[in-house]
Amino acid sequence: MTDFIFALLGAALVNNLILGLPLGADSLRQSRSRALALAGGALIAVATPIAWLLDQFVLVPLELGALRLFIFLPLLAPLAWLCLEGVGRACPSLPREGLWPLLLANGAALGAMLIGSESGFGVAIGLGLGGGLGFWLVLTLLDDLLQQVDETKVPAAFRGTPMLLVCAGLMGLAFLGFNGMGAQ
């Protein structure tokens, strides 16, 4: 149970899949980031335990562990579609156009699947839930931060991508403050 708690908190705060590990940097700034945050978080939460089950009950008995990447990549397509449809049904007001390719190429989901498949089931569930929560949290906070930055006077040299990188770096430092949480 403690492995589950540590994996949950670690994936959400300490080793955040977007800021701590460069696994989801493709999703940092989109106009539809609220829908992407929900769908991406759900994708990570669902895909990680499914990848563990697939690995333990299919790939390991058949000695195909070396093919994890090639098996998990096609698995992301139907899971991304299901998560996007689920977000569409849960929150129909959120725009979903153009999000499927971003979810399909979500490095955070694939990274969580690969990391989770090499540990126990409790850790895989904790990593999936924590990673999904962390993905949603980072995109939501970054979107709020960038909206505040857009409303202020920013020098011309810092507008656009430079300000996005500064904000992402500051958020990475803020989340780095959670490092060592739970250590004794």
C-alpha atoms as a PDB file:
ATOM      1  CA  MET A   1       0.000   0.000   0.000  1.00  0.00           C
ATOM      2  CA  THR A   2       2.856   2.361   0.724  1.00  0.00           C
ATOM      3  CA  ASP A   3       4.293   1.665  -2.742  1.00  0.00           C
ATOM      4  CA  PHE A   4       0.970   2.789  -4.207  1.00  0.00           C
ATOM      5  CA  ILE A   5       0.950   6.008  -2.140  1.00  0.00           C
ATOM      6  CA  PHE A   6       4.573   6.817  -2.994  1.00  0.00           C
ATOM      7  CA  ALA A   7       3.983   6.126  -6.702  1.00  0.00           C
ATOM      8  CA  LEU A   8       0.817   8.260  -6.652  1.00  0.00           C
ATOM      9  CA  LEU A   9       2.454  11.249  -4.949  1.00  0.00           C
ATOM     10  CA  GLY A  10       5.711  10.775  -6.818  1.00  0.00           C
ATOM     11  CA  ALA A  11       4.074  10.794 -10.250  1.00  0.00           C
ATOM     12  CA  ALA A  12       1.771  13.713  -9.432  1.00  0.00           C
ATOM     13  CA  LEU A  13       4.219  15.995  -7.656  1.00  0.00           C
ATOM     14  CA  VAL A  14       7.831  14.871  -7.332  1.00  0.00           C
ATOM     15  CA  ASN A  15       8.612  13.198 -10.663  1.00  0.00           C
ATOM     16  CA  ASN A  16       5.968  14.964 -12.685  1.00  0.00           C
ATOM     17  CA  LEU A  17       5.812  13.450 -16.168  1.00  0.00           C
ATOM     18  CA  ILE A  18       5.732  16.852 -17.872  1.00  0.00           C
ATOM     19  CA  LEU A  19       8.020  19.008 -15.748  1.00  0.00           C
ATOM     20  CA  GLY A  20      10.276  16.510 -14.005  1.00  0.00           C
ATOM     21  CA  LEU A  21      10.748  14.177 -16.935  1.00  0.00           C
ATOM     22  CA  PRO A  22      10.567  15.556 -20.488  1.00  0.00           C
ATOM     23  CA  LEU A  23       7.821  13.110 -21.455  1.00  0.00           C
ATOM     24  CA  GLY A  24       4.895  15.405 -22.179  1.00  0.00           C
ATOM     25  CA  ALA A  25       6.451  18.667 -23.305  1.00  0.00           C
ATOM     26  CA  ASP A  26       4.506  18.534 -26.581  1.00  0.00           C
ATOM     27  CA  SER A  27       1.354  19.420 -24.650  1.00  0.00           C
ATOM     28  CA  LEU A  28       2.483  22.549 -22.828  1.00  0.00           C
ATOM     29  CA  ARG A  29       0.576  25.173 -24.825  1.00  0.00           C
ATOM     30  CA  GLN A  30      -2.601  24.594 -26.775  1.00  0.00           C
ATOM     31  CA  SER A  31      -5.724  26.710 -27.116  1.00  0.00           C
ATOM     32  CA  ARG A  32      -7.773  23.714 -25.996  1.00  0.00           C
ATOM     33  CA  SER A  33      -5.555  22.886 -23.030  1.00  0.00           C
ATOM     34  CA  ARG A  34      -8.442  22.242 -20.589  1.00  0.00           C
ATOM     35  CA  ALA A  35      -9.798  19.414 -22.738  1.00  0.00           C
ATOM     36  CA  LEU A  36      -6.267  18.177 -23.390  1.00  0.00           C
ATOM     37  CA  ALA A  37      -5.516  18.195 -19.661  1.00  0.00           C
ATOM     38  CA  LEU A  38      -8.577  16.082 -18.866  1.00  0.00           C
ATOM     39  CA  ALA A  39      -8.158  13.673 -21.767  1.00  0.00           C
ATOM     40  CA  GLY A  40      -4.392  13.327 -21.279  1.00  0.00           C
ATOM     41  CA  GLY A  41      -4.787  12.743 -17.554  1.00  0.00           C
ATOM     42  CA  ALA A  42      -7.438  10.103 -18.197  1.00  0.00           C
ATOM     43  CA  LEU A  43      -5.259   8.486 -20.867  1.00  0.00           C
ATOM     44  CA  ILE A  44      -2.304   8.155 -18.506  1.00  0.00           C
ATOM     45  CA  ALA A  45      -4.531   6.884 -15.688  1.00  0.00           C
ATOM     46  CA  VAL A  46      -6.132   4.231 -17.908  1.00  0.00           C
ATOM     47  CA  ALA A  47      -3.182   3.227 -20.085  1.00  0.00           C
ATOM     48  CA  THR A  48      -0.632   2.532 -17.345  1.00  0.00           C
ATOM     49  CA  PRO A  49      -2.491  -0.307 -15.552  1.00  0.00           C
ATOM     50  CA  ILE A  50      -3.628  -1.761 -18.887  1.00  0.00           C
ATOM     51  CA  ALA A  51      -0.021  -1.781 -20.087  1.00  0.00           C
ATOM     52  CA  TRP A  52       1.050  -3.561 -16.901  1.00  0.00           C
ATOM     53  CA  LEU A  53      -1.657  -6.209 -17.364  1.00  0.00           C
ATOM     54  CA  LEU A  54      -0.724  -6.684 -21.010  1.00  0.00           C
ATOM     55  CA  ASP A  55       2.948  -6.941 -20.126  1.00  0.00           C
ATOM     56  CA  GLN A  56       2.525  -9.399 -17.248  1.00  0.00           C
ATOM     57  CA  PHE A  57      -0.083 -11.674 -18.825  1.00  0.00           C
ATOM     58  CA  VAL A  58       0.894 -11.598 -22.503  1.00  0.00           C
ATOM     59  CA  LEU A  59       4.386 -10.258 -23.172  1.00  0.00           C
ATOM     60  CA  VAL A  60       6.289 -11.834 -20.269  1.00  0.00           C
ATOM     61  CA  PRO A  61       4.848 -15.372 -20.690  1.00  0.00           C
ATOM     62  CA  LEU A  62       5.580 -15.235 -24.422  1.00  0.00           C
ATOM     63  CA  GLU A  63       9.046 -13.747 -23.745  1.00  0.00           C
ATOM     64  CA  LEU A  64       8.260 -10.679 -25.865  1.00  0.00           C
ATOM     65  CA  GLY A  65       9.305  -8.061 -23.306  1.00  0.00           C
ATOM     66  CA  ALA A  66      11.664  -6.458 -25.816  1.00  0.00           C
ATOM     67  CA  LEU A  67       8.650  -5.535 -27.954  1.00  0.00           C
ATOM     68  CA  ARG A  68       6.938  -3.428 -25.255  1.00  0.00           C
ATOM     69  CA  LEU A  69       7.359  -0.187 -27.165  1.00  0.00           C
ATOM     70  CA  PHE A  70       6.003  -1.650 -30.389  1.00  0.00           C
ATOM     71  CA  ILE A  71       3.003  -3.146 -28.572  1.00  0.00           C
ATOM     72  CA  PHE A  72       2.234  -0.108 -26.387  1.00  0.00           C
ATOM     73  CA  LEU A  73       2.319   2.426 -29.242  1.00  0.00           C
ATOM     74  CA  PRO A  74      -0.631   0.900 -31.151  1.00  0.00           C
ATOM     75  CA  LEU A  75      -2.453   0.434 -27.845  1.00  0.00           C
ATOM     76  CA  LEU A  76      -2.429   4.209 -27.343  1.00  0.00           C
ATOM     77  CA  ALA A  77      -4.636   4.838 -30.397  1.00  0.00           C
ATOM     78  CA  PRO A  78      -7.876   3.236 -29.168  1.00  0.00           C
ATOM     79  CA  LEU A  79      -7.239   4.366 -25.593  1.00  0.00           C
ATOM     80  CA  ALA A  80      -6.700   7.971 -26.726  1.00  0.00           C
ATOM     81  CA  TRP A  81      -9.904   7.849 -28.749  1.00  0.00           C
ATOM     82  CA  LEU A  82     -11.856   6.400 -25.802  1.00  0.00           C
ATOM     83  CA  CYS A  83     -10.517   9.030 -23.397  1.00  0.00           C
ATOM     84  CA  LEU A  84     -11.319  11.839 -25.816  1.00  0.00           C
ATOM     85  CA  GLU A  85     -14.839  10.495 -26.283  1.00  0.00           C
ATOM     86  CA  GLY A  86     -15.223  10.190 -22.510  1.00  0.00           C
ATOM     87  CA  VAL A  87     -14.175  13.802 -22.011  1.00  0.00           C
ATOM     88  CA  GLY A  88     -16.573  14.815 -24.792  1.00  0.00           C
ATOM     89  CA  ARG A  89     -19.456  13.102 -23.014  1.00  0.00           C
ATOM     90  CA  ALA A  90     -18.489  14.367 -19.566  1.00  0.00           C
ATOM     91  CA  CYS A  91     -17.805  17.969 -20.644  1.00  0.00           C
ATOM     92  CA  PRO A  92     -19.498  18.619 -24.010  1.00  0.00           C
ATOM     93  CA  SER A  93     -18.661  22.339 -23.894  1.00  0.00           C
ATOM     94  CA  LEU A  94     -14.900  21.718 -24.201  1.00  0.00           C
ATOM     95  CA  PRO A  95     -13.508  21.896 -27.752  1.00  0.00           C
ATOM     96  CA  ARG A  96     -11.978  18.584 -28.855  1.00  0.00           C
ATOM     97  CA  GLU A  97     -11.009  19.278 -32.462  1.00  0.00           C
ATOM     98  CA  GLY A  98      -7.412  18.404 -33.211  1.00  0.00           C
ATOM     99  CA  LEU A  99      -6.722  16.788 -29.837  1.00  0.00           C
ATOM    100  CA  TRP A 100      -6.606  13.169 -30.995  1.00  0.00           C
ATOM    101  CA  PRO A 101      -3.174  13.480 -32.663  1.00  0.00           C
ATOM    102  CA  LEU A 102      -1.807  15.191 -29.544  1.00  0.00           C
ATOM    103  CA  LEU A 103      -3.105  12.391 -27.350  1.00  0.00           C
ATOM    104  CA  LEU A 104      -1.846   9.772 -29.755  1.00  0.00           C
ATOM    105  CA  ALA A 105       1.668  11.235 -29.649  1.00  0.00           C
ATOM    106  CA  ASN A 106       1.569  11.819 -25.886  1.00  0.00           C
ATOM    107  CA  GLY A 107       5.017  10.994 -24.635  1.00  0.00           C
ATOM    108  CA  ALA A 108       3.871  11.170 -21.011  1.00  0.00           C
ATOM    109  CA  ALA A 109       1.366   8.360 -21.535  1.00  0.00           C
ATOM    110  CA  LEU A 110       3.884   6.157 -23.326  1.00  0.00           C
ATOM    111  CA  GLY A 111       6.533   6.891 -20.702  1.00  0.00           C
ATOM    112  CA  ALA A 112       4.137   6.034 -17.879  1.00  0.00           C
ATOM    113  CA  MET A 113       3.196   2.808 -19.659  1.00  0.00           C
ATOM    114  CA  LEU A 114       6.839   1.777 -20.040  1.00  0.00           C
ATOM    115  CA  ILE A 115       7.804   2.747 -16.482  1.00  0.00           C
ATOM    116  CA  GLY A 116       4.686   1.172 -14.962  1.00  0.00           C
ATOM    117  CA  SER A 117       5.124  -2.115 -16.790  1.00  0.00           C
ATOM    118  CA  GLU A 118       8.433  -2.717 -15.010  1.00  0.00           C
ATOM    119  CA  SER A 119       7.001  -2.555 -11.477  1.00  0.00           C
ATOM    120  CA  GLY A 120       4.176  -4.056  -9.433  1.00  0.00           C
ATOM    121  CA  PHE A 121       0.486  -3.584 -10.162  1.00  0.00           C
ATOM    122  CA  GLY A 122      -0.026  -1.237  -7.196  1.00  0.00           C
ATOM    123  CA  VAL A 123       2.823   0.938  -8.406  1.00  0.00           C
ATOM    124  CA  ALA A 124       1.415   0.892 -11.943  1.00  0.00           C
ATOM    125  CA  ILE A 125      -2.000   2.033 -10.692  1.00  0.00           C
ATOM    126  CA  GLY A 126      -0.401   4.705  -8.485  1.00  0.00           C
ATOM    127  CA  LEU A 127       1.801   5.875 -11.338  1.00  0.00           C
ATOM    128  CA  GLY A 128      -1.169   5.988 -13.695  1.00  0.00           C
ATOM    129  CA  LEU A 129      -3.429   7.902 -11.319  1.00  0.00           C
ATOM    130  CA  GLY A 130      -0.661  10.175 -10.065  1.00  0.00           C
ATOM    131  CA  GLY A 131       0.704  10.760 -13.550  1.00  0.00           C
ATOM    132  CA  GLY A 132      -2.765  11.558 -14.860  1.00  0.00           C
ATOM    133  CA  LEU A 133      -3.423  13.887 -11.952  1.00  0.00           C
ATOM    134  CA  GLY A 134      -0.041  15.542 -12.421  1.00  0.00           C
ATOM    135  CA  PHE A 135      -0.613  15.932 -16.183  1.00  0.00           C
ATOM    136  CA  TRP A 136      -3.976  17.593 -15.545  1.00  0.00           C
ATOM    137  CA  LEU A 137      -2.559  19.752 -12.743  1.00  0.00           C
ATOM    138  CA  VAL A 138       0.425  21.027 -14.711  1.00  0.00           C
ATOM    139  CA  LEU A 139      -1.547  21.861 -17.857  1.00  0.00           C
ATOM    140  CA  THR A 140      -4.286  23.575 -15.854  1.00  0.00           C
ATOM    141  CA  LEU A 141      -1.831  25.626 -13.769  1.00  0.00           C
ATOM    142  CA  LEU A 142       0.296  26.479 -16.792  1.00  0.00           C
ATOM    143  CA  ASP A 143      -2.781  27.586 -18.726  1.00  0.00           C
ATOM    144  CA  ASP A 144      -3.833  29.817 -15.825  1.00  0.00           C
ATOM    145  CA  LEU A 145      -0.317  31.243 -15.530  1.00  0.00           C
ATOM    146  CA  LEU A 146      -0.096  31.960 -19.254  1.00  0.00           C
ATOM    147  CA  GLN A 147      -3.514  33.642 -19.207  1.00  0.00           C
ATOM    148  CA  GLN A 148      -2.264  35.956 -16.464  1.00  0.00           C
ATOM    149  CA  VAL A 149       0.919  36.638 -18.419  1.00  0.00           C
ATOM    150  CA  ASP A 150      -1.140  37.429 -21.546  1.00  0.00           C
ATOM    151  CA  GLU A 151      -3.011  40.118 -19.583  1.00  0.00           C
ATOM    152  CA  THR A 152       0.187  41.894 -18.497  1.00  0.00           C
ATOM    153  CA  LYS A 153       2.699  43.988 -20.386  1.00  0.00           C
ATOM    154  CA  VAL A 154       5.498  41.689 -21.491  1.00  0.00           C
ATOM    155  CA  PRO A 155       8.490  43.024 -23.432  1.00  0.00           C
ATOM    156  CA  ALA A 156       8.371  42.093 -27.107  1.00  0.00           C
ATOM    157  CA  ALA A 157      11.453  39.887 -26.831  1.00  0.00           C
ATOM    158  CA  PHE A 158       9.721  37.670 -24.245  1.00  0.00           C
ATOM    159  CA  ARG A 159       6.341  37.255 -25.945  1.00  0.00           C
ATOM    160  CA  GLY A 160       5.331  33.818 -27.222  1.00  0.00           C
ATOM    161  CA  THR A 161       7.712  30.901 -26.902  1.00  0.00           C
ATOM    162  CA  PRO A 162      10.288  32.608 -24.632  1.00  0.00           C
ATOM    163  CA  MET A 163       7.589  33.386 -22.059  1.00  0.00           C
ATOM    164  CA  LEU A 164       6.228  29.850 -22.364  1.00  0.00           C
ATOM    165  CA  LEU A 165       9.681  28.462 -21.596  1.00  0.00           C
ATOM    166  CA  VAL A 166      10.150  30.844 -18.651  1.00  0.00           C
ATOM    167  CA  CYS A 167       6.757  29.858 -17.223  1.00  0.00           C
ATOM    168  CA  ALA A 168       7.414  26.142 -17.737  1.00  0.00           C
ATOM    169  CA  GLY A 169      10.810  26.526 -16.059  1.00  0.00           C
ATOM    170  CA  LEU A 170       9.304  28.336 -13.085  1.00  0.00           C
ATOM    171  CA  MET A 171       6.640  25.662 -12.747  1.00  0.00           C
ATOM    172  CA  GLY A 172       9.336  22.997 -12.928  1.00  0.00           C
ATOM    173  CA  LEU A 173      11.173  24.723 -10.081  1.00  0.00           C
ATOM    174  CA  ALA A 174       7.959  24.983  -8.077  1.00  0.00           C
ATOM    175  CA  PHE A 175       7.273  21.270  -8.505  1.00  0.00           C
ATOM    176  CA  LEU A 176      10.911  20.518  -7.683  1.00  0.00           C
ATOM    177  CA  GLY A 177      10.069  21.842  -4.212  1.00  0.00           C
ATOM    178  CA  PHE A 178       8.069  18.640  -3.662  1.00  0.00           C
ATOM    179  CA  ASN A 179      11.233  16.567  -4.178  1.00  0.00           C
ATOM    180  CA  GLY A 180      12.056  14.560  -1.073  1.00  0.00           C
ATOM    181  CA  MET A 181       8.487  14.673   0.157  1.00  0.00           C
ATOM    182  CA  GLY A 182       7.876  11.586   2.250  1.00  0.00           C
ATOM    183  CA  ALA A 183      11.607  10.888   2.652  1.00  0.00           C
ATOM    184  CA  GLN A 184      12.762  10.292   6.197  1.00  0.00           C
END
